[in-house]
Amino acid sequence: MSPSCIAVLGERIIDFVPGGDPQSYRAVAGGSPANVALGVHRLGGEAVLLGRAGDDGLAHLLDRAITDNGLSTAALLRRTGPSVLAVCTRNDDGSVAYYFYYQGSPDFMWDATDLHEALGAARAAGASAWHTGSLVSWLGPGVEAVLSAWREAHEAGDLTLSYDPNARPGTVPRAIMRGRVEDFVALSHVVKVSDEDLDYLYPGESPEDVCARWIEAGPSIVVLTRGPRGLAAWRPGLAVVEVPGHTVTVADTVGAGDTVTAALLVGLGDAGALGADGDLSRVDDATLLRILRGAALAAAMTCSREGAQPPTRAEIDSELI
C-alpha cells in the first residue's frame, strides 16, 4: 500500500534555544507544523509542507532544515518579510516556554488567493488529509482566511482535517484564543491536544471533561496527550481508549506533541481511514490502540533527544516487535 499524503499548513519558526553557557543561544529551525511534516516523513508518510515563507537570511536556514531531512520546499509560497522568531527558555522539567517575534512575518498573512494556491498544490500531490494548527490558527491577520478555507474543505469532504491548537500563553487573550480554537475543533475530523493546552484554555476544568465535550462538537477522534501519563482517545459514543507513557531521560519536550500528531495521521492513513474514501468511524479499538502505542513511543523517543527530532518508522517498528 502506498503511503498516505498529508498536507501540513502553518508557520516555520527560528527557535533561539539556550546553549551550554547561560548567555549563549543558538538558532534552530522549528515551528509546530514544520515539525509535524518532518514527523510524517520520518514515520513513512508523504508530507507536503504548505507555508508563506519570508525572504530574510533566516529563511535559508529554515529551507535547509527541510531539504536536509528529505522534504521538499516546492509548495511553499515565497513572500516578502522576516521569518518568525521564538526565544525559548527551558524549564526544570524539560518543557520549554516561548516568546514570539512575528511583526511583518508573511507566515501569518494568509489570504483566500494564497490558500487556494496552497491547497491546490496539496490536492495535486494527492493529499488525503490536511493538518493545521498552532499559531496560524489563532494569531495574526490570516486566521479568518485559514478558518474559511478550513470550512470549505470540510464541506468539500475530500480531505480529513486534523487540528492541534498548540496553545501559547501570552500571545493573544485567552478568551480570543479559546474561541478560535473551538471554531477549528468543530470543523475538524481529528484533534490532538495536550493537557497543558487545555489547562490554559479552560482553567479549572479537567482536560478529560473538555475532550468529552469536544467529541460531541464534531470531531471523529480527539486525542489527549498527558506527558508521562500517556495518551487517551475519545470517539463519539464509544469508550475512551488509553495507553501509558514511556519512561525516558528527557532532553527536552520540543516536538513531542507534533510527533504524536504525525504518528496518529500516518497510522490512520495506514488503516485506510483518511480522505474521501476513508472512514474514521470504522477504526476499531485494536487499530486505535496500535496507533496510540506507536505514537506514545515515538513521542518518548523524541523527548529523549534535544530538539524536534522524531524517530523513523524503522526505529518504532523495532521497539514494538
Protein backbone atom coordinates (compact mmCIF):
# COMPACT_ATOMS: atom_id res chain seq x y z
CA MET A 1 0.00 0.00 0.00
CA SER A 2 1.38 3.42 -0.94
CA PRO A 3 1.94 5.84 1.96
CA SER A 4 -0.70 8.44 2.70
CA CYS A 5 0.00 12.00 1.61
CA ILE A 6 -0.53 14.55 4.39
CA ALA A 7 -0.65 18.29 3.69
CA VAL A 8 0.58 20.41 6.61
CA LEU A 9 -0.12 24.14 6.62
CA GLY A 10 1.37 26.66 9.00
CA GLU A 11 4.35 28.56 10.27
CA ARG A 12 8.03 27.79 10.27
CA ILE A 13 9.94 29.34 13.15
CA ILE A 14 13.52 30.05 14.10
CA ASP A 15 13.83 28.96 17.74
CA PHE A 16 16.58 30.65 19.71
CA VAL A 17 17.34 27.95 22.28
CA PRO A 18 19.68 28.19 25.28
CA GLY A 19 23.21 26.88 24.81
CA GLY A 20 25.63 25.49 27.36
CA ASP A 21 26.53 29.00 28.53
CA PRO A 22 23.53 30.77 30.12
CA GLN A 23 24.28 33.82 27.97
CA SER A 24 24.50 31.90 24.70
CA TYR A 25 21.71 30.94 22.32
CA ARG A 26 21.69 29.10 19.03
CA ALA A 27 19.27 29.27 16.11
CA VAL A 28 17.32 26.07 15.42
CA ALA A 29 14.65 25.54 12.77
CA GLY A 30 11.26 24.75 14.27
CA GLY A 31 7.56 25.50 14.21
CA SER A 32 4.83 23.01 15.09
CA PRO A 33 3.51 22.47 11.53
CA ALA A 34 7.03 22.02 10.15
CA ASN A 35 7.73 19.51 12.93
CA VAL A 36 4.57 17.57 12.03
CA ALA A 37 5.64 17.42 8.39
CA LEU A 38 9.06 16.11 9.41
CA GLY A 39 7.45 13.50 11.65
CA VAL A 40 5.13 12.33 8.88
CA HIS A 41 8.09 11.94 6.55
CA ARG A 42 10.24 10.02 9.04
CA LEU A 43 7.38 7.74 10.04
CA GLY A 44 6.79 6.61 6.48
CA GLY A 45 4.16 9.01 5.19
CA GLU A 46 4.40 11.57 2.43
CA ALA A 47 4.32 15.18 3.64
CA VAL A 48 3.51 18.32 1.66
CA LEU A 49 4.53 21.41 3.63
CA LEU A 50 2.40 24.48 2.87
CA GLY A 51 3.52 27.88 4.11
CA ARG A 52 4.23 31.52 3.35
CA ALA A 53 7.99 31.86 3.55
CA GLY A 54 9.87 35.04 4.35
CA ASP A 55 12.80 36.38 2.35
CA ASP A 56 15.34 37.20 5.05
CA GLY A 57 18.58 35.33 5.69
CA LEU A 58 16.96 33.06 8.25
CA ALA A 59 14.56 31.74 5.62
CA HIS A 60 17.53 29.93 4.05
CA LEU A 61 18.24 28.18 7.36
CA LEU A 62 14.58 27.10 7.51
CA ASP A 63 14.73 25.83 3.93
CA ARG A 64 17.91 23.87 4.61
CA ALA A 65 16.32 22.21 7.64
CA ILE A 66 13.54 20.99 5.38
CA THR A 67 15.62 19.82 2.44
CA ASP A 68 18.35 18.23 4.59
CA ASN A 69 15.63 15.98 6.03
CA GLY A 70 14.41 14.85 2.62
CA LEU A 71 11.36 17.12 2.45
CA SER A 72 10.50 19.46 -0.40
CA THR A 73 10.04 23.23 -0.21
CA ALA A 74 8.27 23.30 -3.58
CA ALA A 75 4.82 24.02 -2.13
CA LEU A 76 5.99 26.97 0.00
CA LEU A 77 4.80 30.36 -1.23
CA ARG A 78 7.66 32.87 -1.41
CA ARG A 79 6.66 36.22 0.05
CA THR A 80 8.34 39.35 1.43
CA GLY A 81 9.09 39.79 5.14
CA PRO A 82 11.01 38.40 8.10
CA SER A 83 10.89 34.85 9.45
CA VAL A 84 9.14 34.24 12.77
CA LEU A 85 11.46 34.14 15.78
CA ALA A 86 10.87 32.42 19.14
CA VAL A 87 13.12 32.95 22.15
CA CYS A 88 12.96 29.77 24.23
CA THR A 89 13.62 29.15 27.91
CA ARG A 90 13.89 25.63 29.27
CA ASN A 91 12.08 24.76 32.50
CA ASP A 92 13.38 22.34 35.12
CA ASP A 93 11.10 19.53 33.87
CA GLY A 94 12.39 19.81 30.30
CA SER A 95 9.39 21.75 29.00
CA VAL A 96 10.02 24.94 27.04
CA ALA A 97 8.46 28.40 27.26
CA TYR A 98 8.39 30.68 24.19
CA TYR A 99 8.28 34.39 23.41
CA PHE A 100 7.47 35.17 19.77
CA TYR A 101 8.57 37.94 17.41
CA TYR A 102 6.34 37.94 14.36
CA GLN A 103 5.57 41.51 13.27
CA GLY A 104 5.59 41.70 9.48
CA SER A 105 6.10 37.96 9.04
CA PRO A 106 4.34 36.52 5.97
CA ASP A 107 3.72 33.24 7.87
CA PHE A 108 0.55 34.71 9.37
CA MET A 109 -0.71 36.79 6.44
CA TRP A 110 -2.74 34.16 4.60
CA ASP A 111 -5.48 35.31 2.25
CA ALA A 112 -8.02 33.45 0.12
CA THR A 113 -5.84 33.58 -3.00
CA ASP A 114 -2.77 32.09 -1.32
CA LEU A 115 -4.84 29.43 0.44
CA HIS A 116 -6.42 28.42 -2.86
CA GLU A 117 -2.94 28.09 -4.40
CA ALA A 118 -1.54 26.14 -1.45
CA LEU A 119 -4.44 23.70 -1.20
CA GLY A 120 -4.43 23.27 -4.95
CA ALA A 121 -0.82 22.10 -4.67
CA ALA A 122 -1.78 19.72 -1.87
CA ARG A 123 -4.63 18.18 -3.83
CA ALA A 124 -2.44 17.92 -6.93
CA ALA A 125 0.06 15.94 -4.84
CA GLY A 126 -2.71 13.52 -3.85
CA ALA A 127 -3.18 14.65 -0.24
CA SER A 128 -5.79 12.70 1.70
CA ALA A 129 -5.52 14.84 4.85
CA TRP A 130 -4.83 18.44 5.78
CA HIS A 131 -3.28 19.25 9.14
CA THR A 132 -3.03 22.74 10.60
CA GLY A 133 -2.98 24.42 13.98
CA SER A 134 -0.64 26.22 16.32
CA LEU A 135 -0.07 29.94 15.84
CA VAL A 136 -1.56 30.21 12.36
CA SER A 137 -4.97 29.22 13.74
CA TRP A 138 -5.24 31.93 16.40
CA LEU A 139 -2.56 34.58 15.82
CA GLY A 140 -2.22 37.29 13.18
CA PRO A 141 -4.32 38.71 10.35
CA GLY A 142 -4.71 35.46 8.40
CA VAL A 143 -6.73 33.47 10.95
CA GLU A 144 -10.15 34.17 9.42
CA ALA A 145 -8.90 33.27 5.94
CA VAL A 146 -7.47 29.97 7.17
CA LEU A 147 -10.69 29.19 9.04
CA SER A 148 -12.76 29.99 5.94
CA ALA A 149 -10.62 27.63 3.84
CA TRP A 150 -10.94 25.01 6.61
CA ARG A 151 -14.72 25.34 6.45
CA GLU A 152 -14.70 24.99 2.66
CA ALA A 153 -12.50 21.89 2.87
CA HIS A 154 -14.87 20.41 5.46
CA GLU A 155 -17.80 20.95 3.11
CA ALA A 156 -15.87 19.54 0.12
CA GLY A 157 -15.28 16.30 2.03
CA ASP A 158 -12.18 15.14 0.16
CA LEU A 159 -9.64 15.82 2.93
CA THR A 160 -9.51 14.55 6.50
CA LEU A 161 -8.97 17.66 8.62
CA SER A 162 -6.51 17.36 11.52
CA TYR A 163 -6.03 20.11 14.11
CA ASP A 164 -3.74 20.83 17.08
CA PRO A 165 -4.31 24.13 18.94
CA ASN A 166 -0.81 24.15 20.47
CA ALA A 167 -1.80 26.99 22.79
CA ARG A 168 0.90 29.52 23.68
CA PRO A 169 0.08 31.80 26.64
CA GLY A 170 0.98 35.48 26.30
CA THR A 171 0.28 35.79 22.58
CA VAL A 172 -3.42 36.68 22.37
CA PRO A 173 -6.02 36.98 25.16
CA ARG A 174 -7.18 33.61 26.43
CA ALA A 175 -10.85 34.16 25.50
CA ILE A 176 -9.94 35.05 21.91
CA MET A 177 -7.65 32.04 21.56
CA ARG A 178 -10.29 29.73 23.06
CA GLY A 179 -12.97 30.97 20.66
CA ARG A 180 -10.74 30.46 17.63
CA VAL A 181 -9.66 27.03 18.80
CA GLU A 182 -13.28 25.97 19.27
CA ASP A 183 -14.13 27.15 15.74
CA PHE A 184 -11.42 24.90 14.30
CA VAL A 185 -12.27 21.95 16.54
CA ALA A 186 -15.92 21.97 15.43
CA LEU A 187 -14.85 21.63 11.79
CA SER A 188 -12.09 19.06 12.34
CA HIS A 189 -12.17 15.29 11.96
CA VAL A 190 -9.08 14.56 14.08
CA VAL A 191 -7.94 16.70 17.01
CA LYS A 192 -4.75 16.27 19.03
CA VAL A 193 -4.48 18.42 22.16
CA SER A 194 -2.25 18.42 25.24
CA ASP A 195 -3.31 18.64 28.87
CA GLU A 196 -1.19 21.81 29.07
CA ASP A 197 -3.20 23.36 26.21
CA LEU A 198 -6.47 22.62 27.98
CA ASP A 199 -5.23 23.73 31.40
CA TYR A 200 -4.55 27.13 29.82
CA LEU A 201 -7.66 27.36 27.63
CA TYR A 202 -10.08 26.10 30.31
CA PRO A 203 -8.60 26.87 33.75
CA GLY A 204 -10.25 24.89 36.50
CA GLU A 205 -11.71 22.26 34.15
CA SER A 206 -10.48 18.71 33.77
CA PRO A 207 -8.79 18.15 30.37
CA GLU A 208 -10.69 14.87 30.14
CA ASP A 209 -14.00 16.70 30.57
CA VAL A 210 -13.09 19.14 27.81
CA CYS A 211 -12.21 16.29 25.45
CA ALA A 212 -15.53 14.59 26.23
CA ARG A 213 -17.28 17.84 25.33
CA TRP A 214 -15.24 18.40 22.18
CA ILE A 215 -16.03 14.94 20.79
CA GLU A 216 -19.69 15.95 20.80
CA ALA A 217 -18.92 19.11 18.82
CA GLY A 218 -17.95 17.44 15.55
CA PRO A 219 -14.63 15.54 15.50
CA SER A 220 -14.43 11.79 14.94
CA ILE A 221 -11.34 11.36 17.14
CA VAL A 222 -9.93 13.58 19.91
CA VAL A 223 -6.53 12.52 21.31
CA LEU A 224 -5.24 13.97 24.57
CA THR A 225 -1.53 13.89 25.38
CA ARG A 226 -0.73 13.76 29.10
CA GLY A 227 3.07 13.76 29.21
CA PRO A 228 4.41 10.74 31.10
CA ARG A 229 0.82 9.58 31.75
CA GLY A 230 0.44 8.67 28.08
CA LEU A 231 -2.41 9.20 25.63
CA ALA A 232 -6.19 8.95 25.69
CA ALA A 233 -8.58 8.99 22.73
CA TRP A 234 -12.27 9.83 22.52
CA ARG A 235 -14.72 8.81 19.77
CA PRO A 236 -18.44 9.57 19.60
CA GLY A 237 -20.48 7.10 21.63
CA LEU A 238 -17.53 4.78 22.42
CA ALA A 239 -15.37 4.10 25.43
CA VAL A 240 -12.17 6.09 25.94
CA VAL A 241 -9.05 4.27 24.73
CA GLU A 242 -5.88 4.86 26.75
CA VAL A 243 -2.22 3.87 26.52
CA PRO A 244 0.53 4.53 29.09
CA GLY A 245 3.56 6.70 28.53
CA HIS A 246 7.18 5.54 28.44
CA THR A 247 9.87 6.35 31.00
CA VAL A 248 12.83 8.09 29.35
CA THR A 249 15.53 10.55 30.31
CA VAL A 250 14.10 13.79 28.98
CA ALA A 251 16.43 16.04 26.99
CA ASP A 252 13.52 18.38 26.27
CA THR A 253 9.91 18.12 25.13
CA VAL A 254 10.28 20.10 21.90
CA GLY A 255 8.32 18.42 19.11
CA ALA A 256 6.87 15.62 21.25
CA GLY A 257 3.26 16.62 20.65
CA ASP A 258 3.95 17.18 16.96
CA THR A 259 5.38 13.66 16.79
CA VAL A 260 2.13 12.30 18.26
CA THR A 261 0.17 14.14 15.57
CA ALA A 262 2.40 12.77 12.82
CA ALA A 263 2.21 9.20 14.16
CA LEU A 264 -1.56 9.48 14.53
CA LEU A 265 -2.04 10.64 10.94
CA VAL A 266 0.37 8.10 9.45
CA GLY A 267 -1.30 5.34 11.46
CA LEU A 268 -4.78 6.38 10.35
CA GLY A 269 -3.52 6.54 6.79
CA ASP A 270 -2.09 3.02 7.05
CA ALA A 271 -5.53 1.92 8.30
CA GLY A 272 -7.18 3.39 5.20
CA ALA A 273 -9.16 5.87 7.28
CA LEU A 274 -8.12 9.14 5.63
CA GLY A 275 -9.54 11.09 2.70
CA ALA A 276 -12.77 10.86 0.76
CA ASP A 277 -12.59 7.06 0.67
CA GLY A 278 -11.68 6.69 4.35
CA ASP A 279 -13.99 6.31 7.31
CA LEU A 280 -12.70 7.23 10.76
CA SER A 281 -15.77 5.72 12.39
CA ARG A 282 -14.61 2.28 11.27
CA VAL A 283 -11.32 2.47 13.17
CA ASP A 284 -11.80 -0.23 15.80
CA ASP A 285 -10.34 -0.41 19.30
CA ALA A 286 -7.49 -2.73 18.33
CA THR A 287 -6.40 -0.49 15.46
CA LEU A 288 -6.63 2.65 17.56
CA LEU A 289 -4.66 1.04 20.38
CA ARG A 290 -1.91 0.06 17.96
CA ILE A 291 -1.74 3.59 16.57
CA LEU A 292 -1.68 5.18 20.03
CA ARG A 293 1.04 2.82 21.28
CA GLY A 294 3.22 3.78 18.34
CA ALA A 295 2.50 7.47 18.89
CA ALA A 296 3.35 7.26 22.62
CA LEU A 297 6.62 5.51 21.86
CA ALA A 298 7.51 7.99 19.12
CA ALA A 299 6.86 10.92 21.47
CA ALA A 300 9.02 9.38 24.19
CA MET A 301 11.88 8.86 21.76
CA THR A 302 11.57 12.50 20.66
CA CYS A 303 11.75 13.63 24.30
CA SER A 304 14.98 11.68 24.74
CA ARG A 305 16.62 13.82 22.03
CA GLU A 306 17.40 17.52 22.03
CA GLY A 307 15.11 19.45 19.71
CA ALA A 308 12.37 18.22 17.40
CA GLN A 309 13.96 15.00 16.17
CA PRO A 310 11.20 12.39 15.71
CA PRO A 311 12.17 8.76 15.19
CA THR A 312 11.94 6.85 11.94
CA ARG A 313 9.41 4.18 11.14
CA ALA A 314 12.13 1.53 11.43
CA GLU A 315 13.03 2.68 14.95
CA ILE A 316 9.41 2.46 16.06
CA ASP A 317 8.81 -0.91 14.44
CA SER A 318 11.93 -2.40 16.03
CA GLU A 319 10.76 -1.35 19.52
CA LEU A 320 7.19 -2.55 19.06
CA ILE A 321 8.10 -6.07 17.95
